[in-house]
Amino acid sequence: MCIFKYTYDVFVECSTTDIDLAFIVDSSSKSDSSAWPSILSFINLVIDQFHVSQNAVRAAFVRYSDNATVVFNVGQYSDASSLKAAASQVQQVRSSKNKRCRKSLKRS
């Protein structure tokens, strides 16, 4: 079971500031498939802490395993409801671990 813990204090000051968030999520075979729904729930909890709009907080979602895929770009969704719906629909792509891909993402 995957348990995420965070504090709301971090989000209070910046919930309406201009922020571009990027959720970069490992969906390889290294990740436990039973944890995938918890990962998506955590992302939705984070989204709930912000005022999502074209003029405030925008978000992107990148999923990686053997390859990195931009599931949706920054600014593609202009409200929290549509952003959360899109994030909830992201499927885990189970494939082999690719350390080179992860290293490449970290350097970008």
N, C-alpha and C. Protein backbone atom coordinates (compact mmCIF):
# COMPACT_ATOMS: atom_id res chain seq x y z
N MET A 1 0.84 -1.18 0.00
CA MET A 1 0.00 0.00 0.00
C MET A 1 0.89 1.24 0.00
N CYS A 2 0.48 2.20 -0.76
CA CYS A 2 1.25 3.43 -0.90
C CYS A 2 0.56 4.53 -0.11
N ILE A 3 1.27 5.16 0.79
CA ILE A 3 0.69 6.22 1.61
C ILE A 3 1.49 7.50 1.39
N PHE A 4 0.79 8.58 1.07
CA PHE A 4 1.44 9.85 0.84
C PHE A 4 1.06 10.79 1.98
N LYS A 5 2.06 11.50 2.47
CA LYS A 5 1.80 12.44 3.54
C LYS A 5 2.39 13.79 3.14
N TYR A 6 1.63 14.83 3.28
CA TYR A 6 2.12 16.16 3.02
C TYR A 6 1.35 17.13 3.88
N THR A 7 1.84 18.34 3.95
CA THR A 7 1.18 19.33 4.78
C THR A 7 0.57 20.43 3.92
N TYR A 8 -0.58 20.92 4.32
CA TYR A 8 -1.25 21.97 3.58
C TYR A 8 -0.51 23.30 3.68
N ASP A 9 0.32 23.48 4.69
CA ASP A 9 1.01 24.75 4.91
C ASP A 9 1.81 25.20 3.69
N VAL A 10 2.37 24.25 2.98
CA VAL A 10 3.19 24.58 1.82
C VAL A 10 2.35 25.24 0.74
N PHE A 11 1.10 24.84 0.62
CA PHE A 11 0.26 25.29 -0.47
C PHE A 11 -0.49 26.60 -0.21
N VAL A 12 -0.60 27.00 1.02
CA VAL A 12 -1.45 28.13 1.36
C VAL A 12 -1.02 29.41 0.64
N GLU A 13 0.25 29.76 0.68
CA GLU A 13 0.71 31.01 0.10
C GLU A 13 0.70 31.02 -1.41
N CYS A 14 0.90 29.88 -2.04
CA CYS A 14 1.08 29.88 -3.49
C CYS A 14 -0.11 29.32 -4.26
N SER A 15 -1.24 29.12 -3.63
CA SER A 15 -2.36 28.48 -4.31
C SER A 15 -2.95 29.30 -5.45
N THR A 16 -2.74 30.62 -5.44
CA THR A 16 -3.27 31.46 -6.52
C THR A 16 -2.16 32.17 -7.29
N THR A 17 -0.93 31.87 -7.00
CA THR A 17 0.21 32.46 -7.69
C THR A 17 0.35 31.82 -9.07
N ASP A 18 1.01 32.52 -9.99
CA ASP A 18 1.28 31.94 -11.31
C ASP A 18 2.31 30.82 -11.15
N ILE A 19 1.85 29.59 -11.33
CA ILE A 19 2.72 28.43 -11.17
C ILE A 19 2.43 27.46 -12.31
N ASP A 20 3.49 26.90 -12.86
CA ASP A 20 3.35 25.79 -13.80
C ASP A 20 3.84 24.55 -13.10
N LEU A 21 2.93 23.60 -12.86
CA LEU A 21 3.26 22.34 -12.21
C LEU A 21 3.53 21.28 -13.28
N ALA A 22 4.45 20.39 -13.00
CA ALA A 22 4.67 19.24 -13.89
C ALA A 22 4.69 17.99 -13.02
N PHE A 23 3.78 17.11 -13.29
CA PHE A 23 3.75 15.81 -12.63
C PHE A 23 4.52 14.85 -13.52
N ILE A 24 5.66 14.39 -13.06
CA ILE A 24 6.50 13.46 -13.83
C ILE A 24 6.47 12.14 -13.08
N VAL A 25 5.80 11.16 -13.67
CA VAL A 25 5.45 9.95 -12.95
C VAL A 25 6.04 8.71 -13.62
N ASP A 26 6.71 7.89 -12.83
CA ASP A 26 7.29 6.63 -13.30
C ASP A 26 6.18 5.58 -13.37
N SER A 27 5.93 5.06 -14.56
CA SER A 27 4.90 4.03 -14.69
C SER A 27 5.50 2.70 -15.14
N SER A 28 6.79 2.53 -14.93
CA SER A 28 7.47 1.31 -15.37
C SER A 28 7.11 0.13 -14.47
N SER A 29 7.67 -1.01 -14.79
CA SER A 29 7.41 -2.22 -14.01
C SER A 29 7.99 -2.10 -12.60
N LYS A 30 8.87 -1.13 -12.41
CA LYS A 30 9.41 -0.88 -11.07
C LYS A 30 8.30 -0.43 -10.12
N SER A 31 7.32 0.29 -10.67
CA SER A 31 6.22 0.79 -9.87
C SER A 31 5.20 -0.32 -9.64
N ASP A 32 4.74 -0.44 -8.42
CA ASP A 32 3.73 -1.42 -8.07
C ASP A 32 2.40 -1.02 -8.71
N SER A 33 1.82 -1.90 -9.51
CA SER A 33 0.58 -1.55 -10.21
C SER A 33 -0.57 -1.25 -9.24
N SER A 34 -0.54 -1.85 -8.07
CA SER A 34 -1.60 -1.57 -7.10
C SER A 34 -1.47 -0.15 -6.51
N ALA A 35 -0.30 0.46 -6.67
CA ALA A 35 -0.09 1.82 -6.15
C ALA A 35 -0.54 2.89 -7.14
N TRP A 36 -0.75 2.51 -8.41
CA TRP A 36 -1.09 3.50 -9.44
C TRP A 36 -2.32 4.34 -9.07
N PRO A 37 -3.42 3.75 -8.63
CA PRO A 37 -4.57 4.58 -8.24
C PRO A 37 -4.24 5.54 -7.10
N SER A 38 -3.39 5.13 -6.19
CA SER A 38 -2.99 6.02 -5.09
C SER A 38 -2.14 7.18 -5.60
N ILE A 39 -1.31 6.91 -6.57
CA ILE A 39 -0.48 7.97 -7.17
C ILE A 39 -1.40 9.01 -7.83
N LEU A 40 -2.37 8.54 -8.60
CA LEU A 40 -3.30 9.46 -9.26
C LEU A 40 -4.15 10.21 -8.25
N SER A 41 -4.54 9.55 -7.17
CA SER A 41 -5.30 10.23 -6.10
C SER A 41 -4.47 11.32 -5.45
N PHE A 42 -3.19 11.03 -5.22
CA PHE A 42 -2.30 12.03 -4.64
C PHE A 42 -2.20 13.25 -5.56
N ILE A 43 -2.05 13.01 -6.86
CA ILE A 43 -1.98 14.12 -7.82
C ILE A 43 -3.25 14.95 -7.75
N ASN A 44 -4.39 14.30 -7.65
CA ASN A 44 -5.65 15.04 -7.54
C ASN A 44 -5.75 15.82 -6.24
N LEU A 45 -5.21 15.28 -5.16
CA LEU A 45 -5.17 16.02 -3.89
C LEU A 45 -4.30 17.27 -4.02
N VAL A 46 -3.20 17.15 -4.72
CA VAL A 46 -2.32 18.32 -4.95
C VAL A 46 -3.07 19.36 -5.78
N ILE A 47 -3.72 18.92 -6.85
CA ILE A 47 -4.48 19.84 -7.71
C ILE A 47 -5.53 20.58 -6.90
N ASP A 48 -6.18 19.89 -5.96
CA ASP A 48 -7.21 20.52 -5.13
C ASP A 48 -6.69 21.70 -4.32
N GLN A 49 -5.39 21.76 -4.10
CA GLN A 49 -4.82 22.82 -3.26
C GLN A 49 -4.57 24.11 -4.02
N PHE A 50 -4.80 24.10 -5.34
CA PHE A 50 -4.47 25.26 -6.17
C PHE A 50 -5.68 25.78 -6.92
N HIS A 51 -5.59 27.04 -7.28
CA HIS A 51 -6.60 27.66 -8.14
C HIS A 51 -6.12 27.47 -9.58
N VAL A 52 -6.66 26.47 -10.25
CA VAL A 52 -6.23 26.15 -11.61
C VAL A 52 -6.98 27.05 -12.59
N SER A 53 -6.21 27.76 -13.42
CA SER A 53 -6.78 28.59 -14.49
C SER A 53 -5.65 28.97 -15.43
N GLN A 54 -6.00 29.52 -16.57
CA GLN A 54 -4.98 29.95 -17.53
C GLN A 54 -4.12 31.08 -16.96
N ASN A 55 -4.66 31.82 -15.98
CA ASN A 55 -3.94 32.98 -15.43
C ASN A 55 -3.32 32.72 -14.06
N ALA A 56 -3.41 31.50 -13.57
CA ALA A 56 -2.84 31.21 -12.25
C ALA A 56 -2.03 29.93 -12.32
N VAL A 57 -2.58 28.85 -11.85
CA VAL A 57 -1.85 27.58 -11.80
C VAL A 57 -2.23 26.72 -12.99
N ARG A 58 -1.19 26.24 -13.69
CA ARG A 58 -1.38 25.34 -14.84
C ARG A 58 -0.52 24.10 -14.59
N ALA A 59 -0.89 22.99 -15.22
CA ALA A 59 -0.16 21.75 -14.94
C ALA A 59 0.03 20.92 -16.20
N ALA A 60 1.10 20.12 -16.17
CA ALA A 60 1.39 19.15 -17.22
C ALA A 60 1.58 17.79 -16.56
N PHE A 61 1.44 16.74 -17.35
CA PHE A 61 1.62 15.39 -16.85
C PHE A 61 2.53 14.65 -17.83
N VAL A 62 3.64 14.15 -17.30
CA VAL A 62 4.57 13.34 -18.09
C VAL A 62 4.65 11.97 -17.44
N ARG A 63 4.42 10.94 -18.24
CA ARG A 63 4.49 9.56 -17.76
C ARG A 63 5.70 8.94 -18.45
N TYR A 64 6.52 8.21 -17.66
CA TYR A 64 7.66 7.56 -18.30
C TYR A 64 7.82 6.12 -17.83
N SER A 65 8.37 5.34 -18.72
CA SER A 65 8.79 3.96 -18.46
C SER A 65 10.00 3.75 -19.36
N ASP A 66 9.81 3.11 -20.52
CA ASP A 66 10.89 3.03 -21.49
C ASP A 66 11.06 4.36 -22.21
N ASN A 67 9.97 5.07 -22.37
CA ASN A 67 9.97 6.38 -23.03
C ASN A 67 9.16 7.35 -22.19
N ALA A 68 9.48 8.61 -22.34
CA ALA A 68 8.69 9.65 -21.68
C ALA A 68 7.61 10.11 -22.64
N THR A 69 6.40 10.25 -22.13
CA THR A 69 5.26 10.70 -22.93
C THR A 69 4.59 11.86 -22.21
N VAL A 70 4.42 12.96 -22.93
CA VAL A 70 3.65 14.07 -22.37
C VAL A 70 2.18 13.72 -22.55
N VAL A 71 1.51 13.45 -21.46
CA VAL A 71 0.10 13.07 -21.50
C VAL A 71 -0.75 14.32 -21.75
N PHE A 72 -0.45 15.40 -21.03
CA PHE A 72 -1.05 16.69 -21.34
C PHE A 72 -0.08 17.79 -20.99
N ASN A 73 -0.17 18.87 -21.76
CA ASN A 73 0.75 20.00 -21.64
C ASN A 73 0.27 21.03 -20.64
N VAL A 74 1.20 21.87 -20.20
CA VAL A 74 0.87 22.99 -19.32
C VAL A 74 -0.17 23.85 -20.04
N GLY A 75 -1.23 24.18 -19.34
CA GLY A 75 -2.25 25.05 -19.89
C GLY A 75 -3.30 24.36 -20.73
N GLN A 76 -3.19 23.07 -20.92
CA GLN A 76 -4.18 22.36 -21.74
C GLN A 76 -5.55 22.34 -21.05
N TYR A 77 -5.55 22.32 -19.72
CA TYR A 77 -6.80 22.35 -18.95
C TYR A 77 -6.84 23.63 -18.12
N SER A 78 -7.96 24.33 -18.18
CA SER A 78 -8.02 25.64 -17.55
C SER A 78 -8.85 25.67 -16.27
N ASP A 79 -9.25 24.49 -15.77
CA ASP A 79 -9.95 24.46 -14.48
C ASP A 79 -9.60 23.14 -13.79
N ALA A 80 -9.77 23.14 -12.47
CA ALA A 80 -9.37 21.98 -11.66
C ALA A 80 -10.16 20.73 -12.02
N SER A 81 -11.43 20.87 -12.29
CA SER A 81 -12.26 19.69 -12.60
C SER A 81 -11.77 18.95 -13.83
N SER A 82 -11.52 19.67 -14.91
CA SER A 82 -11.07 19.00 -16.13
C SER A 82 -9.64 18.48 -15.98
N LEU A 83 -8.82 19.21 -15.24
CA LEU A 83 -7.45 18.75 -14.99
C LEU A 83 -7.45 17.46 -14.18
N LYS A 84 -8.26 17.41 -13.13
CA LYS A 84 -8.36 16.20 -12.31
C LYS A 84 -8.94 15.03 -13.09
N ALA A 85 -9.92 15.30 -13.93
CA ALA A 85 -10.50 14.23 -14.76
C ALA A 85 -9.45 13.66 -15.70
N ALA A 86 -8.66 14.54 -16.30
CA ALA A 86 -7.61 14.08 -17.22
C ALA A 86 -6.54 13.28 -16.47
N ALA A 87 -6.14 13.76 -15.30
CA ALA A 87 -5.12 13.05 -14.51
C ALA A 87 -5.64 11.68 -14.06
N SER A 88 -6.90 11.61 -13.72
CA SER A 88 -7.48 10.34 -13.25
C SER A 88 -7.55 9.29 -14.35
N GLN A 89 -7.54 9.72 -15.59
CA GLN A 89 -7.65 8.80 -16.72
C GLN A 89 -6.31 8.28 -17.22
N VAL A 90 -5.20 8.78 -16.69
CA VAL A 90 -3.88 8.35 -17.16
C VAL A 90 -3.66 6.89 -16.79
N GLN A 91 -3.31 6.10 -17.78
CA GLN A 91 -3.07 4.68 -17.58
C GLN A 91 -1.59 4.42 -17.31
N GLN A 92 -1.33 3.44 -16.48
CA GLN A 92 0.04 3.04 -16.21
C GLN A 92 0.54 2.24 -17.42
N VAL A 93 1.75 2.56 -17.88
CA VAL A 93 2.36 1.83 -18.98
C VAL A 93 3.46 0.97 -18.38
N ARG A 94 3.18 -0.31 -18.28
CA ARG A 94 4.13 -1.20 -17.63
C ARG A 94 5.12 -1.71 -18.66
N SER A 95 6.36 -1.43 -18.43
CA SER A 95 7.42 -1.94 -19.29
C SER A 95 8.69 -2.03 -18.47
N SER A 96 9.75 -2.37 -19.12
CA SER A 96 11.01 -2.57 -18.38
C SER A 96 11.54 -1.27 -17.82
N LYS A 97 12.39 -1.41 -16.84
CA LYS A 97 13.03 -0.24 -16.24
C LYS A 97 14.03 0.32 -17.24
N ASN A 98 14.07 1.61 -17.35
CA ASN A 98 15.02 2.23 -18.25
C ASN A 98 15.71 3.36 -17.50
N LYS A 99 16.84 3.06 -16.92
CA LYS A 99 17.57 4.06 -16.12
C LYS A 99 18.01 5.23 -16.98
N ARG A 100 18.37 4.95 -18.24
CA ARG A 100 18.83 6.01 -19.11
C ARG A 100 17.73 7.05 -19.33
N CYS A 101 16.49 6.60 -19.50
CA CYS A 101 15.36 7.52 -19.70
C CYS A 101 15.16 8.37 -18.45
N ARG A 102 15.21 7.77 -17.27
CA ARG A 102 15.03 8.52 -16.03
C ARG A 102 16.15 9.55 -15.87
N LYS A 103 17.39 9.16 -16.16
CA LYS A 103 18.51 10.09 -16.04
C LYS A 103 18.34 11.25 -17.01
N SER A 104 17.87 10.94 -18.21
CA SER A 104 17.66 11.97 -19.22
C SER A 104 16.59 12.95 -18.76
N LEU A 105 15.52 12.47 -18.14
CA LEU A 105 14.47 13.36 -17.64
C LEU A 105 14.99 14.24 -16.52
N LYS A 106 15.83 13.70 -15.65
CA LYS A 106 16.35 14.48 -14.53
C LYS A 106 17.22 15.62 -15.02
N ARG A 107 17.94 15.42 -16.12
CA ARG A 107 18.83 16.44 -16.64
C ARG A 107 18.10 17.52 -17.41
N SER A 108 16.89 17.24 -17.89
CA SER A 108 16.15 18.20 -18.73
C SER A 108 15.74 19.42 -17.94
